[in-house]
Amino acid sequence: MSLSWVSTPEFSSAAELARHYAAVRARLPRVIPPAPRPNPFLPKPVIILLPPPADIVPDQRREPRERVVRLSSEAEQTAIRRAITAYFETAADTPPGYGMKVRLKLLQAAIASAFKVGRDIVLEKSRWSGSCRIRLISICLAHRLVSDSPNAVGLAFGVDHSCVWNARRRVGAMIEDILVEMYDGASCSLGGRE
């Protein structure tokens, strides 16, 4: 196994750094590659007799805010992957020229669908563990995928910029790992936004 060192470029100004991040974000794919085909070498009777896989993310759409449970780590990461995939698919289908507010609404709908909760869980403040964690993840995804302005993201979710930075601090590393896993490291820079 070879180990290669990657030198990080140094930037002399904030504008240069912003241009670099914009170039990195431009390389991020807008369409998710198709899922791999099932293994064709398994005998057909085995494929037919396999039970349908149980979904790891429980359906909590009808649950009130206080009864939404916090997901396990694997279920949370699966839901985040689904939210990112759904957001890129819907964002690729929208005509060019749509602003940040429309993209935030698309992301919020994708997160609600992926976590299988009502959209009010994503939008409204709560102190319950499950709904608070989903909201924290949605704020961090909005900051990472839609806008680099913490004030704009905070206004969309009804919080101030310090809550956006707190979300970034608490779940940002996990989201960056998922993005690097879903896309190759060359097309997804850590910390790169539009």
N, C-alpha and C. Protein backbone atom coordinates (compact mmCIF):
# COMPACT_ATOMS: atom_id res chain seq x y z
N MET A 1 0.85 -1.17 0.00
CA MET A 1 0.00 0.00 0.00
C MET A 1 0.89 1.23 0.00
N SER A 2 0.72 2.09 -0.94
CA SER A 2 1.56 3.27 -1.03
C SER A 2 0.90 4.43 -0.30
N LEU A 3 1.72 5.26 0.23
CA LEU A 3 1.24 6.43 0.95
C LEU A 3 1.72 7.67 0.20
N SER A 4 0.81 8.49 -0.20
CA SER A 4 1.19 9.70 -0.93
C SER A 4 0.85 10.91 -0.09
N TRP A 5 1.71 11.87 -0.11
CA TRP A 5 1.50 13.10 0.64
C TRP A 5 0.83 14.12 -0.26
N VAL A 6 -0.18 14.74 0.24
CA VAL A 6 -0.89 15.76 -0.51
C VAL A 6 -0.58 17.10 0.13
N SER A 7 -0.01 17.98 -0.65
CA SER A 7 0.30 19.29 -0.10
C SER A 7 -0.93 20.18 -0.19
N THR A 8 -1.19 20.89 0.87
CA THR A 8 -2.33 21.80 0.87
C THR A 8 -1.86 23.16 0.40
N PRO A 9 -2.57 23.75 -0.53
CA PRO A 9 -2.15 25.07 -1.02
C PRO A 9 -2.38 26.14 0.04
N GLU A 10 -1.53 27.12 0.04
CA GLU A 10 -1.69 28.24 0.97
C GLU A 10 -2.32 29.39 0.21
N PHE A 11 -3.20 30.10 0.88
CA PHE A 11 -3.94 31.18 0.25
C PHE A 11 -3.54 32.49 0.90
N SER A 12 -3.35 33.49 0.06
CA SER A 12 -2.92 34.79 0.58
C SER A 12 -4.09 35.68 0.95
N SER A 13 -5.29 35.36 0.45
CA SER A 13 -6.44 36.20 0.76
C SER A 13 -7.70 35.35 0.89
N ALA A 14 -8.70 35.94 1.49
CA ALA A 14 -9.97 35.24 1.66
C ALA A 14 -10.65 35.04 0.30
N ALA A 15 -10.46 35.98 -0.62
CA ALA A 15 -11.06 35.85 -1.94
C ALA A 15 -10.45 34.66 -2.69
N GLU A 16 -9.16 34.46 -2.53
CA GLU A 16 -8.50 33.33 -3.18
C GLU A 16 -9.01 32.01 -2.61
N LEU A 17 -9.19 31.97 -1.29
CA LEU A 17 -9.72 30.78 -0.64
C LEU A 17 -11.16 30.52 -1.09
N ALA A 18 -11.96 31.58 -1.23
CA ALA A 18 -13.34 31.43 -1.69
C ALA A 18 -13.38 30.90 -3.12
N ARG A 19 -12.48 31.39 -3.98
CA ARG A 19 -12.42 30.89 -5.36
C ARG A 19 -12.04 29.41 -5.38
N HIS A 20 -11.11 29.03 -4.51
CA HIS A 20 -10.71 27.62 -4.43
C HIS A 20 -11.89 26.75 -4.03
N TYR A 21 -12.64 27.17 -3.01
CA TYR A 21 -13.79 26.39 -2.55
C TYR A 21 -14.88 26.34 -3.62
N ALA A 22 -15.06 27.42 -4.36
CA ALA A 22 -16.05 27.42 -5.43
C ALA A 22 -15.65 26.44 -6.53
N ALA A 23 -14.36 26.37 -6.83
CA ALA A 23 -13.89 25.43 -7.84
C ALA A 23 -14.07 23.99 -7.38
N VAL A 24 -13.81 23.75 -6.09
CA VAL A 24 -13.99 22.40 -5.55
C VAL A 24 -15.46 22.01 -5.58
N ARG A 25 -16.35 22.93 -5.20
CA ARG A 25 -17.79 22.64 -5.21
C ARG A 25 -18.30 22.41 -6.64
N ALA A 26 -17.67 23.06 -7.62
CA ALA A 26 -18.09 22.86 -9.00
C ALA A 26 -17.78 21.45 -9.47
N ARG A 27 -16.77 20.81 -8.87
CA ARG A 27 -16.42 19.45 -9.25
C ARG A 27 -17.31 18.41 -8.58
N LEU A 28 -18.07 18.79 -7.57
CA LEU A 28 -18.95 17.85 -6.89
C LEU A 28 -20.07 17.45 -7.84
N PRO A 29 -20.32 16.17 -8.03
CA PRO A 29 -21.31 15.77 -9.04
C PRO A 29 -22.72 16.19 -8.67
N ARG A 30 -23.50 16.52 -9.67
CA ARG A 30 -24.89 16.93 -9.45
C ARG A 30 -25.82 15.71 -9.54
N VAL A 31 -25.38 14.65 -10.20
CA VAL A 31 -26.21 13.46 -10.33
C VAL A 31 -25.50 12.31 -9.62
N ILE A 32 -26.21 11.59 -8.81
CA ILE A 32 -25.64 10.48 -8.06
C ILE A 32 -25.46 9.29 -9.01
N PRO A 33 -24.30 8.63 -8.97
CA PRO A 33 -24.11 7.47 -9.85
C PRO A 33 -25.09 6.36 -9.48
N PRO A 34 -25.51 5.55 -10.46
CA PRO A 34 -26.48 4.50 -10.16
C PRO A 34 -25.91 3.46 -9.21
N ALA A 35 -26.80 2.82 -8.46
CA ALA A 35 -26.39 1.79 -7.52
C ALA A 35 -25.88 0.57 -8.28
N PRO A 36 -24.93 -0.17 -7.70
CA PRO A 36 -24.43 -1.36 -8.41
C PRO A 36 -25.52 -2.41 -8.55
N ARG A 37 -25.42 -3.18 -9.61
CA ARG A 37 -26.41 -4.24 -9.86
C ARG A 37 -26.22 -5.36 -8.85
N PRO A 38 -27.27 -6.12 -8.57
CA PRO A 38 -27.11 -7.26 -7.67
C PRO A 38 -26.19 -8.30 -8.28
N ASN A 39 -25.64 -9.13 -7.43
CA ASN A 39 -24.68 -10.13 -7.87
C ASN A 39 -25.35 -11.13 -8.81
N PRO A 40 -24.91 -11.18 -10.09
CA PRO A 40 -25.57 -12.09 -11.04
C PRO A 40 -25.19 -13.54 -10.84
N PHE A 41 -24.18 -13.81 -10.02
CA PHE A 41 -23.69 -15.19 -9.86
C PHE A 41 -24.43 -15.95 -8.76
N LEU A 42 -25.30 -15.28 -7.99
CA LEU A 42 -26.11 -16.01 -7.03
C LEU A 42 -27.17 -16.81 -7.76
N PRO A 43 -27.43 -18.04 -7.35
CA PRO A 43 -28.48 -18.81 -8.02
C PRO A 43 -29.84 -18.14 -7.82
N LYS A 44 -30.70 -18.28 -8.82
CA LYS A 44 -32.00 -17.60 -8.78
C LYS A 44 -32.86 -18.01 -7.60
N PRO A 45 -32.95 -19.29 -7.22
CA PRO A 45 -33.81 -19.62 -6.07
C PRO A 45 -33.37 -18.92 -4.80
N VAL A 46 -32.06 -18.72 -4.63
CA VAL A 46 -31.58 -18.05 -3.42
C VAL A 46 -32.03 -16.60 -3.42
N ILE A 47 -31.97 -15.94 -4.57
CA ILE A 47 -32.40 -14.56 -4.66
C ILE A 47 -33.89 -14.44 -4.35
N ILE A 48 -34.68 -15.37 -4.85
CA ILE A 48 -36.13 -15.32 -4.62
C ILE A 48 -36.45 -15.60 -3.15
N LEU A 49 -35.72 -16.52 -2.51
CA LEU A 49 -36.03 -16.91 -1.15
C LEU A 49 -35.50 -15.95 -0.09
N LEU A 50 -34.65 -15.01 -0.48
CA LEU A 50 -34.13 -14.06 0.51
C LEU A 50 -35.27 -13.16 1.01
N PRO A 51 -35.36 -12.95 2.32
CA PRO A 51 -36.42 -12.05 2.81
C PRO A 51 -36.10 -10.61 2.43
N PRO A 52 -37.12 -9.78 2.28
CA PRO A 52 -36.84 -8.39 1.95
C PRO A 52 -36.09 -7.72 3.10
N PRO A 53 -35.11 -6.90 2.78
CA PRO A 53 -34.34 -6.27 3.87
C PRO A 53 -35.20 -5.30 4.67
N ALA A 54 -35.03 -5.36 5.97
CA ALA A 54 -35.75 -4.44 6.84
C ALA A 54 -35.06 -3.08 6.79
N ASP A 55 -35.86 -2.05 6.73
CA ASP A 55 -35.28 -0.71 6.67
C ASP A 55 -34.73 -0.34 8.04
N ILE A 56 -33.52 0.17 8.05
CA ILE A 56 -32.84 0.49 9.30
C ILE A 56 -33.38 1.78 9.93
N VAL A 57 -33.99 2.64 9.11
CA VAL A 57 -34.54 3.90 9.61
C VAL A 57 -36.03 3.69 9.91
N PRO A 58 -36.44 3.82 11.17
CA PRO A 58 -37.86 3.60 11.49
C PRO A 58 -38.73 4.75 11.00
N ASP A 59 -39.98 4.41 10.68
CA ASP A 59 -40.93 5.41 10.21
C ASP A 59 -41.55 6.12 11.41
N GLN A 60 -41.32 7.44 11.52
CA GLN A 60 -41.82 8.22 12.64
C GLN A 60 -42.62 9.43 12.16
N ARG A 61 -43.23 9.30 10.99
CA ARG A 61 -43.94 10.44 10.41
C ARG A 61 -45.14 10.86 11.24
N ARG A 62 -45.81 9.94 11.87
CA ARG A 62 -47.02 10.26 12.63
C ARG A 62 -46.74 10.54 14.10
N GLU A 63 -45.48 10.43 14.51
CA GLU A 63 -45.13 10.64 15.91
C GLU A 63 -45.05 12.13 16.23
N PRO A 64 -45.52 12.55 17.41
CA PRO A 64 -45.31 13.94 17.82
C PRO A 64 -43.84 14.18 18.14
N ARG A 65 -43.47 15.43 18.25
CA ARG A 65 -42.08 15.83 18.44
C ARG A 65 -41.43 15.14 19.64
N GLU A 66 -42.17 15.00 20.73
CA GLU A 66 -41.59 14.43 21.94
C GLU A 66 -41.42 12.91 21.88
N ARG A 67 -42.03 12.25 20.90
CA ARG A 67 -41.93 10.79 20.80
C ARG A 67 -40.97 10.35 19.70
N VAL A 68 -40.36 11.30 18.99
CA VAL A 68 -39.38 10.94 17.96
C VAL A 68 -38.12 10.45 18.66
N VAL A 69 -37.72 9.23 18.35
CA VAL A 69 -36.56 8.64 19.02
C VAL A 69 -35.28 9.00 18.27
N ARG A 70 -34.20 9.04 19.02
CA ARG A 70 -32.90 9.28 18.40
C ARG A 70 -32.43 7.99 17.73
N LEU A 71 -31.97 8.11 16.51
CA LEU A 71 -31.58 6.95 15.73
C LEU A 71 -30.22 6.44 16.15
N SER A 72 -29.97 5.18 15.87
CA SER A 72 -28.64 4.63 16.10
C SER A 72 -27.66 5.27 15.11
N SER A 73 -26.39 5.07 15.35
CA SER A 73 -25.37 5.69 14.51
C SER A 73 -25.49 5.21 13.05
N GLU A 74 -25.70 3.91 12.85
CA GLU A 74 -25.82 3.38 11.49
C GLU A 74 -27.06 3.91 10.78
N ALA A 75 -28.18 3.95 11.51
CA ALA A 75 -29.41 4.45 10.91
C ALA A 75 -29.29 5.93 10.58
N GLU A 76 -28.63 6.68 11.44
CA GLU A 76 -28.42 8.11 11.21
C GLU A 76 -27.58 8.35 9.96
N GLN A 77 -26.51 7.58 9.81
CA GLN A 77 -25.65 7.74 8.63
C GLN A 77 -26.37 7.31 7.35
N THR A 78 -27.20 6.28 7.44
CA THR A 78 -27.99 5.86 6.28
C THR A 78 -28.96 6.96 5.88
N ALA A 79 -29.62 7.56 6.86
CA ALA A 79 -30.57 8.63 6.56
C ALA A 79 -29.86 9.85 5.97
N ILE A 80 -28.67 10.16 6.46
CA ILE A 80 -27.91 11.29 5.91
C ILE A 80 -27.53 11.01 4.46
N ARG A 81 -27.10 9.79 4.16
CA ARG A 81 -26.77 9.44 2.77
C ARG A 81 -28.00 9.58 1.87
N ARG A 82 -29.15 9.12 2.35
CA ARG A 82 -30.38 9.23 1.56
C ARG A 82 -30.76 10.69 1.35
N ALA A 83 -30.59 11.52 2.37
CA ALA A 83 -30.93 12.94 2.25
C ALA A 83 -30.03 13.63 1.23
N ILE A 84 -28.74 13.35 1.27
CA ILE A 84 -27.81 13.96 0.32
C ILE A 84 -28.14 13.52 -1.11
N THR A 85 -28.41 12.23 -1.29
CA THR A 85 -28.75 11.72 -2.62
C THR A 85 -30.04 12.35 -3.14
N ALA A 86 -31.06 12.41 -2.29
CA ALA A 86 -32.34 12.99 -2.71
C ALA A 86 -32.19 14.47 -3.02
N TYR A 87 -31.39 15.18 -2.22
CA TYR A 87 -31.20 16.61 -2.48
C TYR A 87 -30.52 16.84 -3.82
N PHE A 88 -29.45 16.08 -4.12
CA PHE A 88 -28.75 16.26 -5.40
C PHE A 88 -29.65 15.90 -6.58
N GLU A 89 -30.50 14.87 -6.42
CA GLU A 89 -31.40 14.50 -7.51
C GLU A 89 -32.43 15.59 -7.77
N THR A 90 -33.03 16.15 -6.72
CA THR A 90 -34.03 17.19 -6.92
C THR A 90 -33.39 18.50 -7.35
N ALA A 91 -32.19 18.80 -6.84
CA ALA A 91 -31.51 20.03 -7.24
C ALA A 91 -31.08 19.96 -8.70
N ALA A 92 -30.75 18.75 -9.18
CA ALA A 92 -30.36 18.61 -10.59
C ALA A 92 -31.57 18.80 -11.51
N ASP A 93 -32.78 18.49 -11.01
CA ASP A 93 -33.98 18.61 -11.83
C ASP A 93 -34.55 20.03 -11.85
N THR A 94 -34.14 20.89 -10.93
CA THR A 94 -34.68 22.25 -10.90
C THR A 94 -34.00 23.10 -11.96
N PRO A 95 -34.72 24.04 -12.56
CA PRO A 95 -34.10 24.91 -13.56
C PRO A 95 -33.05 25.81 -12.93
N PRO A 96 -32.05 26.23 -13.71
CA PRO A 96 -31.04 27.14 -13.16
C PRO A 96 -31.66 28.48 -12.80
N GLY A 97 -31.08 29.12 -11.82
CA GLY A 97 -31.58 30.42 -11.41
C GLY A 97 -32.38 30.39 -10.12
N TYR A 98 -32.67 29.20 -9.62
CA TYR A 98 -33.37 29.12 -8.34
C TYR A 98 -32.43 29.55 -7.23
N GLY A 99 -32.94 30.29 -6.29
CA GLY A 99 -32.12 30.85 -5.24
C GLY A 99 -31.93 29.92 -4.06
N MET A 100 -31.28 30.48 -3.04
CA MET A 100 -30.94 29.71 -1.86
C MET A 100 -32.18 29.26 -1.10
N LYS A 101 -33.23 30.07 -1.06
CA LYS A 101 -34.43 29.69 -0.31
C LYS A 101 -35.09 28.45 -0.90
N VAL A 102 -35.12 28.36 -2.22
CA VAL A 102 -35.71 27.18 -2.85
C VAL A 102 -34.85 25.96 -2.59
N ARG A 103 -33.52 26.11 -2.67
CA ARG A 103 -32.64 24.98 -2.40
C ARG A 103 -32.73 24.53 -0.95
N LEU A 104 -32.91 25.48 -0.02
CA LEU A 104 -33.09 25.10 1.38
C LEU A 104 -34.38 24.32 1.58
N LYS A 105 -35.44 24.73 0.90
CA LYS A 105 -36.70 23.98 1.02
C LYS A 105 -36.56 22.58 0.43
N LEU A 106 -35.84 22.45 -0.68
CA LEU A 106 -35.60 21.13 -1.26
C LEU A 106 -34.81 20.25 -0.29
N LEU A 107 -33.79 20.83 0.35
CA LEU A 107 -32.99 20.08 1.30
C LEU A 107 -33.81 19.69 2.52
N GLN A 108 -34.63 20.60 3.03
CA GLN A 108 -35.45 20.28 4.20
C GLN A 108 -36.44 19.15 3.88
N ALA A 109 -37.02 19.18 2.70
CA ALA A 109 -37.94 18.10 2.30
C ALA A 109 -37.19 16.77 2.15
N ALA A 110 -35.97 16.83 1.61
CA ALA A 110 -35.17 15.60 1.45
C ALA A 110 -34.79 15.02 2.81
N ILE A 111 -34.46 15.89 3.77
CA ILE A 111 -34.09 15.41 5.11
C ILE A 111 -35.30 14.80 5.81
N ALA A 112 -36.45 15.46 5.72
CA ALA A 112 -37.66 14.93 6.35
C ALA A 112 -38.02 13.57 5.76
N SER A 113 -37.88 13.43 4.46
CA SER A 113 -38.18 12.16 3.81
C SER A 113 -37.17 11.08 4.19
N ALA A 114 -35.89 11.43 4.25
CA ALA A 114 -34.85 10.45 4.55
C ALA A 114 -34.91 9.97 6.00
N PHE A 115 -35.19 10.88 6.92
CA PHE A 115 -35.29 10.51 8.33
C PHE A 115 -36.68 9.98 8.69
N LYS A 116 -37.62 10.05 7.72
CA LYS A 116 -38.99 9.56 7.90
C LYS A 116 -39.68 10.24 9.08
N VAL A 117 -39.61 11.57 9.09
CA VAL A 117 -40.30 12.37 10.10
C VAL A 117 -41.09 13.45 9.37
N GLY A 118 -41.96 14.13 10.11
CA GLY A 118 -42.70 15.24 9.54
C GLY A 118 -41.77 16.42 9.30
N ARG A 119 -42.15 17.28 8.37
CA ARG A 119 -41.30 18.42 8.04
C ARG A 119 -41.21 19.42 9.19
N ASP A 120 -42.21 19.43 10.08
CA ASP A 120 -42.16 20.33 11.23
C ASP A 120 -41.03 19.97 12.19
N ILE A 121 -40.61 18.70 12.23
CA ILE A 121 -39.49 18.28 13.08
C ILE A 121 -38.21 18.97 12.61
N VAL A 122 -38.06 19.11 11.30
CA VAL A 122 -36.86 19.73 10.74
C VAL A 122 -36.88 21.24 10.95
N LEU A 123 -38.06 21.85 10.91
CA LEU A 123 -38.15 23.31 10.92
C LEU A 123 -38.30 23.93 12.31
N GLU A 124 -38.98 23.27 13.23
CA GLU A 124 -39.30 23.90 14.50
C GLU A 124 -38.32 23.50 15.60
N LYS A 125 -38.09 24.43 16.54
CA LYS A 125 -37.19 24.17 17.65
C LYS A 125 -37.79 23.15 18.60
N SER A 126 -36.90 22.36 19.22
CA SER A 126 -37.34 21.36 20.18
C SER A 126 -36.19 21.03 21.11
N ARG A 127 -36.51 20.58 22.31
CA ARG A 127 -35.49 20.14 23.25
C ARG A 127 -35.49 18.62 23.42
N TRP A 128 -36.34 17.92 22.67
CA TRP A 128 -36.37 16.47 22.74
C TRP A 128 -35.20 15.91 21.94
N SER A 129 -34.59 14.86 22.44
CA SER A 129 -33.33 14.36 21.90
C SER A 129 -33.41 13.97 20.42
N GLY A 130 -34.42 13.19 20.05
CA GLY A 130 -34.49 12.72 18.66
C GLY A 130 -34.71 13.83 17.67
N SER A 131 -35.70 14.68 17.93
CA SER A 131 -36.00 15.76 16.98
C SER A 131 -34.90 16.82 17.00
N CYS A 132 -34.26 17.04 18.13
CA CYS A 132 -33.17 18.01 18.21
C CYS A 132 -31.97 17.55 17.38
N ARG A 133 -31.68 16.24 17.42
CA ARG A 133 -30.55 15.71 16.65
C ARG A 133 -30.82 15.82 15.14
N ILE A 134 -32.04 15.53 14.72
CA ILE A 134 -32.38 15.63 13.29
C ILE A 134 -32.26 17.09 12.83
N ARG A 135 -32.73 18.01 13.64
CA ARG A 135 -32.63 19.43 13.31
C ARG A 135 -31.18 19.88 13.24
N LEU A 136 -30.34 19.39 14.17
CA LEU A 136 -28.91 19.72 14.18
C LEU A 136 -28.25 19.24 12.88
N ILE A 137 -28.57 18.03 12.46
CA ILE A 137 -28.01 17.48 11.22
C ILE A 137 -28.49 18.28 10.02
N SER A 138 -29.77 18.66 10.02
CA SER A 138 -30.29 19.42 8.87
C SER A 138 -29.66 20.80 8.78
N ILE A 139 -29.40 21.45 9.91
CA ILE A 139 -28.72 22.75 9.89
C ILE A 139 -27.31 22.60 9.34
N CYS A 140 -26.61 21.56 9.77
CA CYS A 140 -25.23 21.36 9.29
C CYS A 140 -25.22 21.01 7.80
N LEU A 141 -26.16 20.18 7.35
CA LEU A 141 -26.22 19.86 5.92
C LEU A 141 -26.55 21.10 5.09
N ALA A 142 -27.43 21.96 5.60
CA ALA A 142 -27.75 23.18 4.87
C ALA A 142 -26.54 24.08 4.76
N HIS A 143 -25.75 24.16 5.84
CA HIS A 143 -24.55 25.00 5.80
C HIS A 143 -23.51 24.41 4.86
N ARG A 144 -23.44 23.09 4.80
CA ARG A 144 -22.42 22.43 3.97
C ARG A 144 -22.80 22.39 2.49
N LEU A 145 -24.10 22.16 2.19
CA LEU A 145 -24.49 21.92 0.81
C LEU A 145 -25.13 23.11 0.12
N VAL A 146 -25.76 24.02 0.88
CA VAL A 146 -26.55 25.07 0.24
C VAL A 146 -25.87 26.43 0.31
N SER A 147 -25.48 26.86 1.50
CA SER A 147 -24.97 28.22 1.65
C SER A 147 -23.81 28.25 2.61
N ASP A 148 -22.83 29.11 2.32
CA ASP A 148 -21.70 29.25 3.24
C ASP A 148 -21.94 30.34 4.28
N SER A 149 -23.09 31.00 4.22
CA SER A 149 -23.39 32.07 5.17
C SER A 149 -24.14 31.49 6.37
N PRO A 150 -23.53 31.49 7.55
CA PRO A 150 -24.23 30.96 8.72
C PRO A 150 -25.45 31.81 9.08
N ASN A 151 -25.40 33.10 8.77
CA ASN A 151 -26.57 33.95 9.06
C ASN A 151 -27.76 33.56 8.19
N ALA A 152 -27.53 33.30 6.90
CA ALA A 152 -28.63 32.94 6.00
C ALA A 152 -29.23 31.59 6.39
N VAL A 153 -28.37 30.62 6.74
CA VAL A 153 -28.87 29.32 7.16
C VAL A 153 -29.62 29.45 8.48
N GLY A 154 -29.08 30.26 9.39
CA GLY A 154 -29.75 30.46 10.68
C GLY A 154 -31.12 31.09 10.51
N LEU A 155 -31.24 32.07 9.63
CA LEU A 155 -32.54 32.70 9.39
C LEU A 155 -33.54 31.70 8.83
N ALA A 156 -33.09 30.79 7.97
CA ALA A 156 -33.99 29.80 7.39
C ALA A 156 -34.53 28.83 8.45
N PHE A 157 -33.73 28.59 9.48
CA PHE A 157 -34.15 27.66 10.53
C PHE A 157 -34.61 28.38 11.80
N GLY A 158 -34.60 29.70 11.82
CA GLY A 158 -35.08 30.45 12.98
C GLY A 158 -34.10 30.47 14.13
N VAL A 159 -32.80 30.39 13.85
CA VAL A 159 -31.77 30.45 14.89
C VAL A 159 -30.73 31.48 14.48
N ASP A 160 -29.77 31.75 15.35
CA ASP A 160 -28.71 32.69 14.98
C ASP A 160 -27.48 31.91 14.48
N HIS A 161 -26.45 32.65 14.08
CA HIS A 161 -25.29 32.02 13.45
C HIS A 161 -24.52 31.12 14.41
N SER A 162 -24.59 31.39 15.73
CA SER A 162 -23.84 30.56 16.67
C SER A 162 -24.40 29.14 16.71
N CYS A 163 -25.71 28.98 16.51
CA CYS A 163 -26.30 27.63 16.44
C CYS A 163 -25.81 26.88 15.22
N VAL A 164 -25.61 27.61 14.11
CA VAL A 164 -25.10 26.97 12.90
C VAL A 164 -23.67 26.49 13.14
N TRP A 165 -22.85 27.30 13.79
CA TRP A 165 -21.47 26.88 14.08
C TRP A 165 -21.46 25.73 15.07
N ASN A 166 -22.39 25.72 16.02
CA ASN A 166 -22.48 24.61 16.97
C ASN A 166 -22.85 23.32 16.24
N ALA A 167 -23.78 23.39 15.32
CA ALA A 167 -24.15 22.20 14.54
C ALA A 167 -22.97 21.71 13.72
N ARG A 168 -22.25 22.65 13.12
CA ARG A 168 -21.07 22.30 12.33
C ARG A 168 -20.00 21.62 13.20
N ARG A 169 -19.85 22.12 14.44
CA ARG A 169 -18.85 21.56 15.34
C ARG A 169 -19.24 20.15 15.80
N ARG A 170 -20.54 19.93 16.03
CA ARG A 170 -20.97 18.67 16.61
C ARG A 170 -21.13 17.54 15.59
N VAL A 171 -21.65 17.83 14.40
CA VAL A 171 -21.87 16.76 13.42
C VAL A 171 -21.16 17.00 12.10
N GLY A 172 -20.38 18.07 12.00
CA GLY A 172 -19.71 18.40 10.74
C GLY A 172 -18.73 17.34 10.29
N ALA A 173 -17.96 16.77 11.23
CA ALA A 173 -16.97 15.76 10.85
C ALA A 173 -17.64 14.51 10.29
N MET A 174 -18.75 14.10 10.89
CA MET A 174 -19.46 12.93 10.40
C MET A 174 -20.00 13.18 8.99
N ILE A 175 -20.54 14.36 8.75
CA ILE A 175 -21.08 14.68 7.42
C ILE A 175 -19.97 14.76 6.39
N GLU A 176 -18.82 15.32 6.75
CA GLU A 176 -17.69 15.38 5.83
C GLU A 176 -17.21 13.97 5.49
N ASP A 177 -17.17 13.07 6.49
CA ASP A 177 -16.76 11.70 6.21
C ASP A 177 -17.72 11.01 5.26
N ILE A 178 -19.01 11.25 5.44
CA ILE A 178 -20.01 10.65 4.56
C ILE A 178 -19.88 11.20 3.14
N LEU A 179 -19.65 12.50 3.01
CA LEU A 179 -19.49 13.09 1.68
C LEU A 179 -18.24 12.57 0.98
N VAL A 180 -17.15 12.42 1.73
CA VAL A 180 -15.92 11.89 1.12
C VAL A 180 -16.11 10.42 0.76
N GLU A 181 -16.91 9.69 1.56
CA GLU A 181 -17.18 8.30 1.24
C GLU A 181 -18.07 8.16 0.01
N MET A 182 -19.07 9.05 -0.11
CA MET A 182 -20.00 8.97 -1.24
C MET A 182 -19.34 9.44 -2.53
N TYR A 183 -18.48 10.44 -2.44
CA TYR A 183 -17.79 10.99 -3.60
C TYR A 183 -16.31 10.87 -3.33
N ASP A 184 -15.51 10.77 -4.38
CA ASP A 184 -14.07 10.64 -4.17
C ASP A 184 -13.50 11.89 -3.54
N GLY A 185 -12.37 11.76 -2.90
CA GLY A 185 -11.76 12.88 -2.19
C GLY A 185 -11.40 14.04 -3.09
N ALA A 186 -11.15 13.77 -4.38
CA ALA A 186 -10.76 14.86 -5.29
C ALA A 186 -11.92 15.77 -5.62
N SER A 187 -13.15 15.24 -5.57
CA SER A 187 -14.29 16.07 -5.96
C SER A 187 -15.03 16.68 -4.77
N CYS A 188 -14.56 16.41 -3.57
CA CYS A 188 -15.24 16.91 -2.38
C CYS A 188 -14.19 17.34 -1.38
N SER A 189 -13.93 18.61 -1.29
CA SER A 189 -12.94 19.12 -0.36
C SER A 189 -13.54 19.26 1.02
N LEU A 190 -12.77 18.99 2.03
CA LEU A 190 -13.26 19.18 3.39
C LEU A 190 -13.45 20.67 3.66
N GLY A 191 -14.65 21.04 4.01
CA GLY A 191 -14.95 22.43 4.30
C GLY A 191 -15.32 23.25 3.08
N GLY A 192 -15.30 22.68 1.89
CA GLY A 192 -15.62 23.44 0.68
C GLY A 192 -17.09 23.63 0.50
N ARG A 193 -17.51 24.85 0.25
CA ARG A 193 -18.92 25.16 0.01
C ARG A 193 -18.98 26.10 -1.18
N GLU A 194 -20.20 26.39 -1.63
CA GLU A 194 -20.37 27.33 -2.73
C GLU A 194 -20.03 28.73 -2.28
